[in-house]
Amino acid sequence: MSKRSRRGGARNNKHAQGGGGGDFISSEQPDLETILDSTDNPFLLVLDGVQDPHNLGACLRTADGAGVHAVIAPRNRAVSITETVMRISCGAAEHVPFIRVVNIVRTLELMREHGIHLIGTADGADSTSLYDVDFTGPTALVMGAEGKGLRRLTQENCDQVVRIPMHGKVDCLNVSVATGVCLYEAVRQRSGKGHS
């Protein structure tokens, strides 16, 4: 068994494998460890169980615009790259490495071993404001699924949990909108530090 397989199967399947008809398959993409080892200041997006193809497509489109090096998602109970995802992403699904993993928690541990700061998002009052967090170093933004948010074990394995300040009547944003808000706060900070 390879080192990669023991660590949660963090192989890059840019266009997701399995999961039924309509999936797109691509096999010649670097794995997560290759991306981590070859990038000076990694900027990653982890989607913990996003199931709506429109949301995944929008997240991939925003990730591409923000310069994210890879998007990571679980293989089970999450949408893969479908025709709808491809269409909604406006081509971003062809350019942003999409890595499906067996175990999100093990993958977070692998990223931490590579010096990645894991920043989760939650609506709780005890979490820190998005705007009080440093995104300038090696970072993985960890977003939860529609409705349920981050799973408990995923949240417990984040180094820090942040919230988007909400000033209206609704208490949360759609996952793709929240992803855009968070990624572009990171872009603002990283651009100020000479990263693009």
C-alpha atoms as a PDB file:
ATOM      1  CA  MET A   1       0.000   0.000   0.000  1.00  0.00           C
ATOM      2  CA  SER A   2       1.359   3.410  -0.895  1.00  0.00           C
ATOM      3  CA  LYS A   3       2.043   6.177   1.602  1.00  0.00           C
ATOM      4  CA  ARG A   4      -0.709   8.183  -0.108  1.00  0.00           C
ATOM      5  CA  SER A   5      -3.265   5.404   0.386  1.00  0.00           C
ATOM      6  CA  ARG A   6      -2.479   5.051   4.105  1.00  0.00           C
ATOM      7  CA  ARG A   7      -3.083   8.759   4.586  1.00  0.00           C
ATOM      8  CA  GLY A   8      -6.660   8.789   3.422  1.00  0.00           C
ATOM      9  CA  GLY A   9      -6.442   8.338  -0.317  1.00  0.00           C
ATOM     10  CA  ALA A  10      -5.820  11.996  -1.116  1.00  0.00           C
ATOM     11  CA  ARG A  11      -5.438  11.308  -4.822  1.00  0.00           C
ATOM     12  CA  ASN A  12      -6.346  13.984  -7.265  1.00  0.00           C
ATOM     13  CA  ASN A  13      -9.241  12.937  -9.455  1.00  0.00           C
ATOM     14  CA  LYS A  14      -9.774  16.331 -11.040  1.00  0.00           C
ATOM     15  CA  HIS A  15     -12.955  15.119 -12.654  1.00  0.00           C
ATOM     16  CA  ALA A  16     -14.533  12.886 -10.078  1.00  0.00           C
ATOM     17  CA  GLN A  17     -14.579   9.139 -10.307  1.00  0.00           C
ATOM     18  CA  GLY A  18     -17.590   6.991  -9.576  1.00  0.00           C
ATOM     19  CA  GLY A  19     -20.889   8.180  -8.181  1.00  0.00           C
ATOM     20  CA  GLY A  20     -23.145   7.383 -11.123  1.00  0.00           C
ATOM     21  CA  GLY A  21     -23.758   8.469 -14.666  1.00  0.00           C
ATOM     22  CA  GLY A  22     -22.741  11.845 -15.916  1.00  0.00           C
ATOM     23  CA  ASP A  23     -19.443  12.033 -14.030  1.00  0.00           C
ATOM     24  CA  PHE A  24     -16.373  13.181 -15.906  1.00  0.00           C
ATOM     25  CA  ILE A  25     -13.080  11.367 -15.431  1.00  0.00           C
ATOM     26  CA  SER A  26      -9.527  12.628 -15.735  1.00  0.00           C
ATOM     27  CA  SER A  27      -6.545  10.638 -14.512  1.00  0.00           C
ATOM     28  CA  GLU A  28      -3.346  12.574 -15.177  1.00  0.00           C
ATOM     29  CA  GLN A  29      -3.469  15.162 -12.420  1.00  0.00           C
ATOM     30  CA  PRO A  30      -1.008  15.648  -9.532  1.00  0.00           C
ATOM     31  CA  ASP A  31      -2.033  14.369  -6.115  1.00  0.00           C
ATOM     32  CA  LEU A  32      -2.437  16.557  -3.047  1.00  0.00           C
ATOM     33  CA  GLU A  33       1.047  15.896  -1.705  1.00  0.00           C
ATOM     34  CA  THR A  34       2.547  16.899  -5.056  1.00  0.00           C
ATOM     35  CA  ILE A  35       0.626  20.177  -4.940  1.00  0.00           C
ATOM     36  CA  LEU A  36       1.695  20.828  -1.337  1.00  0.00           C
ATOM     37  CA  ASP A  37       5.344  20.022  -2.069  1.00  0.00           C
ATOM     38  CA  SER A  38       5.499  22.154  -5.211  1.00  0.00           C
ATOM     39  CA  THR A  39       3.724  25.291  -3.964  1.00  0.00           C
ATOM     40  CA  ASP A  40       5.481  27.974  -1.912  1.00  0.00           C
ATOM     41  CA  ASN A  41       2.367  29.307  -0.193  1.00  0.00           C
ATOM     42  CA  PRO A  42      -0.520  26.863  -0.680  1.00  0.00           C
ATOM     43  CA  PHE A  43      -4.056  28.220  -0.797  1.00  0.00           C
ATOM     44  CA  LEU A  44      -6.637  25.423  -0.664  1.00  0.00           C
ATOM     45  CA  LEU A  45     -10.399  25.053  -0.415  1.00  0.00           C
ATOM     46  CA  VAL A  46     -11.986  22.081   1.372  1.00  0.00           C
ATOM     47  CA  LEU A  47     -15.700  21.463   0.790  1.00  0.00           C
ATOM     48  CA  ASP A  48     -17.065  19.145   3.484  1.00  0.00           C
ATOM     49  CA  GLY A  49     -19.971  17.439   1.762  1.00  0.00           C
ATOM     50  CA  VAL A  50     -21.404  19.978  -0.699  1.00  0.00           C
ATOM     51  CA  GLN A  51     -24.189  18.132  -2.536  1.00  0.00           C
ATOM     52  CA  ASP A  52     -25.718  20.657  -4.927  1.00  0.00           C
ATOM     53  CA  PRO A  53     -23.968  20.711  -8.318  1.00  0.00           C
ATOM     54  CA  HIS A  54     -24.826  24.405  -8.730  1.00  0.00           C
ATOM     55  CA  ASN A  55     -23.026  25.182  -5.472  1.00  0.00           C
ATOM     56  CA  LEU A  56     -19.988  23.091  -6.426  1.00  0.00           C
ATOM     57  CA  GLY A  57     -19.813  24.733  -9.845  1.00  0.00           C
ATOM     58  CA  ALA A  58     -20.010  28.198  -8.289  1.00  0.00           C
ATOM     59  CA  CYS A  59     -17.363  27.298  -5.685  1.00  0.00           C
ATOM     60  CA  LEU A  60     -15.000  26.043  -8.399  1.00  0.00           C
ATOM     61  CA  ARG A  61     -15.536  29.202 -10.439  1.00  0.00           C
ATOM     62  CA  THR A  62     -14.747  31.392  -7.425  1.00  0.00           C
ATOM     63  CA  ALA A  63     -11.789  29.215  -6.439  1.00  0.00           C
ATOM     64  CA  ASP A  64     -10.328  29.639  -9.912  1.00  0.00           C
ATOM     65  CA  GLY A  65     -10.784  33.399  -9.766  1.00  0.00           C
ATOM     66  CA  ALA A  66      -9.186  33.539  -6.318  1.00  0.00           C
ATOM     67  CA  GLY A  67      -6.131  31.529  -7.387  1.00  0.00           C
ATOM     68  CA  VAL A  68      -6.837  28.481  -5.207  1.00  0.00           C
ATOM     69  CA  HIS A  69      -4.306  25.698  -5.861  1.00  0.00           C
ATOM     70  CA  ALA A  70      -6.796  22.840  -5.305  1.00  0.00           C
ATOM     71  CA  VAL A  71     -10.323  22.091  -4.140  1.00  0.00           C
ATOM     72  CA  ILE A  72     -10.714  19.044  -1.902  1.00  0.00           C
ATOM     73  CA  ALA A  73     -13.969  17.158  -1.239  1.00  0.00           C
ATOM     74  CA  PRO A  74     -15.003  13.746   0.121  1.00  0.00           C
ATOM     75  CA  ARG A  75     -15.774  10.927  -2.285  1.00  0.00           C
ATOM     76  CA  ASN A  76     -18.912   9.927  -0.403  1.00  0.00           C
ATOM     77  CA  ARG A  77     -22.029  12.007   0.263  1.00  0.00           C
ATOM     78  CA  ALA A  78     -20.831  14.876  -1.903  1.00  0.00           C
ATOM     79  CA  VAL A  79     -21.404  15.898  -5.507  1.00  0.00           C
ATOM     80  CA  SER A  80     -18.746  15.054  -8.083  1.00  0.00           C
ATOM     81  CA  ILE A  81     -17.919  16.817 -11.341  1.00  0.00           C
ATOM     82  CA  THR A  82     -21.045  16.479 -13.482  1.00  0.00           C
ATOM     83  CA  GLU A  83     -22.207  18.191 -16.649  1.00  0.00           C
ATOM     84  CA  THR A  84     -24.098  20.716 -14.508  1.00  0.00           C
ATOM     85  CA  VAL A  85     -20.997  21.437 -12.415  1.00  0.00           C
ATOM     86  CA  MET A  86     -18.966  21.933 -15.590  1.00  0.00           C
ATOM     87  CA  ARG A  87     -21.544  24.353 -16.993  1.00  0.00           C
ATOM     88  CA  ILE A  88     -21.986  26.381 -13.800  1.00  0.00           C
ATOM     89  CA  SER A  89     -18.207  26.598 -13.251  1.00  0.00           C
ATOM     90  CA  CYS A  90     -17.820  28.336 -16.667  1.00  0.00           C
ATOM     91  CA  GLY A  91     -14.700  26.304 -17.415  1.00  0.00           C
ATOM     92  CA  ALA A  92     -13.126  26.493 -13.949  1.00  0.00           C
ATOM     93  CA  ALA A  93     -13.683  22.758 -13.414  1.00  0.00           C
ATOM     94  CA  GLU A  94     -11.178  22.209 -16.241  1.00  0.00           C
ATOM     95  CA  HIS A  95      -8.476  24.285 -14.538  1.00  0.00           C
ATOM     96  CA  VAL A  96      -8.749  23.911 -10.751  1.00  0.00           C
ATOM     97  CA  PRO A  97      -7.515  20.534  -9.468  1.00  0.00           C
ATOM     98  CA  PHE A  98     -10.488  18.802  -7.818  1.00  0.00           C
ATOM     99  CA  ILE A  99      -9.316  16.186  -5.338  1.00  0.00           C
ATOM    100  CA  ARG A 100     -11.760  13.658  -3.944  1.00  0.00           C
ATOM    101  CA  VAL A 101     -10.591  11.945  -0.761  1.00  0.00           C
ATOM    102  CA  VAL A 102     -11.749   8.969   1.259  1.00  0.00           C
ATOM    103  CA  ASN A 103     -11.351  10.655   4.637  1.00  0.00           C
ATOM    104  CA  ILE A 104     -11.509  14.434   5.143  1.00  0.00           C
ATOM    105  CA  VAL A 105     -10.081  14.282   8.689  1.00  0.00           C
ATOM    106  CA  ARG A 106      -6.991  12.333   7.582  1.00  0.00           C
ATOM    107  CA  THR A 107      -6.571  14.766   4.708  1.00  0.00           C
ATOM    108  CA  LEU A 108      -6.711  17.700   7.132  1.00  0.00           C
ATOM    109  CA  GLU A 109      -4.032  15.958   9.218  1.00  0.00           C
ATOM    110  CA  LEU A 110      -1.885  15.578   6.098  1.00  0.00           C
ATOM    111  CA  MET A 111      -2.265  19.263   5.310  1.00  0.00           C
ATOM    112  CA  ARG A 112      -1.354  20.204   8.876  1.00  0.00           C
ATOM    113  CA  GLU A 113       1.813  18.083   8.568  1.00  0.00           C
ATOM    114  CA  HIS A 114       2.695  20.258   5.562  1.00  0.00           C
ATOM    115  CA  GLY A 115       2.297  23.434   7.605  1.00  0.00           C
ATOM    116  CA  ILE A 116      -1.159  24.381   6.315  1.00  0.00           C
ATOM    117  CA  HIS A 117      -3.299  26.488   8.678  1.00  0.00           C
ATOM    118  CA  LEU A 118      -6.820  25.006   8.659  1.00  0.00           C
ATOM    119  CA  ILE A 119      -9.539  27.655   8.911  1.00  0.00           C
ATOM    120  CA  GLY A 120     -13.077  26.314   9.239  1.00  0.00           C
ATOM    121  CA  THR A 121     -16.304  28.277   9.022  1.00  0.00           C
ATOM    122  CA  ALA A 122     -19.285  28.112  11.373  1.00  0.00           C
ATOM    123  CA  ASP A 123     -22.147  30.346  12.419  1.00  0.00           C
ATOM    124  CA  GLY A 124     -21.494  29.978  16.166  1.00  0.00           C
ATOM    125  CA  ALA A 125     -21.214  33.043  18.371  1.00  0.00           C
ATOM    126  CA  ASP A 126     -17.962  31.711  19.855  1.00  0.00           C
ATOM    127  CA  SER A 127     -16.145  31.730  16.514  1.00  0.00           C
ATOM    128  CA  THR A 128     -13.855  34.563  15.400  1.00  0.00           C
ATOM    129  CA  SER A 129     -14.858  37.072  12.738  1.00  0.00           C
ATOM    130  CA  LEU A 130     -13.554  36.270   9.276  1.00  0.00           C
ATOM    131  CA  TYR A 131     -11.952  39.706   9.201  1.00  0.00           C
ATOM    132  CA  ASP A 132      -9.835  39.026  12.310  1.00  0.00           C
ATOM    133  CA  VAL A 133      -7.984  36.035  10.836  1.00  0.00           C
ATOM    134  CA  ASP A 134      -4.628  35.917   9.040  1.00  0.00           C
ATOM    135  CA  PHE A 135      -4.884  34.227   5.626  1.00  0.00           C
ATOM    136  CA  THR A 136      -1.446  35.273   4.365  1.00  0.00           C
ATOM    137  CA  GLY A 137       0.424  32.016   5.028  1.00  0.00           C
ATOM    138  CA  PRO A 138      -0.231  28.461   3.806  1.00  0.00           C
ATOM    139  CA  THR A 139      -3.995  28.151   4.283  1.00  0.00           C
ATOM    140  CA  ALA A 140      -6.891  25.783   3.734  1.00  0.00           C
ATOM    141  CA  LEU A 141     -10.371  27.272   3.997  1.00  0.00           C
ATOM    142  CA  VAL A 142     -12.802  24.561   5.155  1.00  0.00           C
ATOM    143  CA  MET A 143     -16.464  25.086   4.230  1.00  0.00           C
ATOM    144  CA  GLY A 144     -19.421  22.982   5.368  1.00  0.00           C
ATOM    145  CA  ALA A 145     -22.315  21.472   3.478  1.00  0.00           C
ATOM    146  CA  GLU A 146     -25.611  23.112   2.660  1.00  0.00           C
ATOM    147  CA  GLY A 147     -27.797  23.348   5.738  1.00  0.00           C
ATOM    148  CA  LYS A 148     -25.676  21.215   8.064  1.00  0.00           C
ATOM    149  CA  GLY A 149     -22.404  23.120   7.878  1.00  0.00           C
ATOM    150  CA  LEU A 150     -19.177  21.448   8.969  1.00  0.00           C
ATOM    151  CA  ARG A 151     -19.379  17.974  10.422  1.00  0.00           C
ATOM    152  CA  ARG A 152     -18.291  17.807  14.067  1.00  0.00           C
ATOM    153  CA  LEU A 153     -15.040  15.899  13.454  1.00  0.00           C
ATOM    154  CA  THR A 154     -14.120  18.189  10.589  1.00  0.00           C
ATOM    155  CA  GLN A 155     -14.657  21.276  12.725  1.00  0.00           C
ATOM    156  CA  GLU A 156     -12.711  19.774  15.636  1.00  0.00           C
ATOM    157  CA  ASN A 157      -9.751  19.223  13.315  1.00  0.00           C
ATOM    158  CA  CYS A 158      -9.602  22.838  12.155  1.00  0.00           C
ATOM    159  CA  ASP A 159      -6.985  25.077  13.762  1.00  0.00           C
ATOM    160  CA  GLN A 160      -9.412  27.976  13.894  1.00  0.00           C
ATOM    161  CA  VAL A 161     -13.115  28.502  13.267  1.00  0.00           C
ATOM    162  CA  VAL A 162     -14.437  31.756  11.812  1.00  0.00           C
ATOM    163  CA  ARG A 163     -17.816  33.279  11.052  1.00  0.00           C
ATOM    164  CA  ILE A 164     -18.983  35.794   8.467  1.00  0.00           C
ATOM    165  CA  PRO A 165     -20.552  38.735  10.324  1.00  0.00           C
ATOM    166  CA  MET A 166     -24.286  38.867   9.557  1.00  0.00           C
ATOM    167  CA  HIS A 167     -26.206  42.102  10.187  1.00  0.00           C
ATOM    168  CA  GLY A 168     -29.626  41.319   8.717  1.00  0.00           C
ATOM    169  CA  LYS A 169     -32.470  38.963   9.572  1.00  0.00           C
ATOM    170  CA  VAL A 170     -31.001  35.778   8.042  1.00  0.00           C
ATOM    171  CA  ASP A 171     -28.342  33.966  10.022  1.00  0.00           C
ATOM    172  CA  CYS A 172     -26.220  32.448   7.249  1.00  0.00           C
ATOM    173  CA  LEU A 173     -25.302  32.597   3.566  1.00  0.00           C
ATOM    174  CA  ASN A 174     -25.515  29.999   0.815  1.00  0.00           C
ATOM    175  CA  VAL A 175     -22.311  27.903   0.810  1.00  0.00           C
ATOM    176  CA  SER A 176     -21.159  29.171  -2.581  1.00  0.00           C
ATOM    177  CA  VAL A 177     -21.733  32.797  -1.570  1.00  0.00           C
ATOM    178  CA  ALA A 178     -19.995  32.252   1.783  1.00  0.00           C
ATOM    179  CA  THR A 179     -17.089  30.610  -0.038  1.00  0.00           C
ATOM    180  CA  GLY A 180     -16.743  33.659  -2.280  1.00  0.00           C
ATOM    181  CA  VAL A 181     -16.764  36.054   0.684  1.00  0.00           C
ATOM    182  CA  CYS A 182     -14.108  34.046   2.535  1.00  0.00           C
ATOM    183  CA  LEU A 183     -11.860  33.368  -0.455  1.00  0.00           C
ATOM    184  CA  TYR A 184     -11.773  36.995  -1.474  1.00  0.00           C
ATOM    185  CA  GLU A 185     -10.947  38.170   2.044  1.00  0.00           C
ATOM    186  CA  ALA A 186      -8.002  35.774   1.790  1.00  0.00           C
ATOM    187  CA  VAL A 187      -7.130  37.184  -1.658  1.00  0.00           C
ATOM    188  CA  ARG A 188      -7.215  40.736  -0.265  1.00  0.00           C
ATOM    189  CA  GLN A 189      -4.807  39.799   2.514  1.00  0.00           C
ATOM    190  CA  ARG A 190      -2.512  37.672   0.377  1.00  0.00           C
ATOM    191  CA  SER A 191      -2.305  40.351  -2.324  1.00  0.00           C
ATOM    192  CA  GLY A 192      -1.219  42.838   0.328  1.00  0.00           C
ATOM    193  CA  LYS A 193       1.595  40.491   1.323  1.00  0.00           C
ATOM    194  CA  GLY A 194       2.910  40.120  -2.224  1.00  0.00           C
ATOM    195  CA  HIS A 195       0.994  36.930  -3.062  1.00  0.00           C
ATOM    196  CA  SER A 196      -1.375  36.699  -6.001  1.00  0.00           C
END
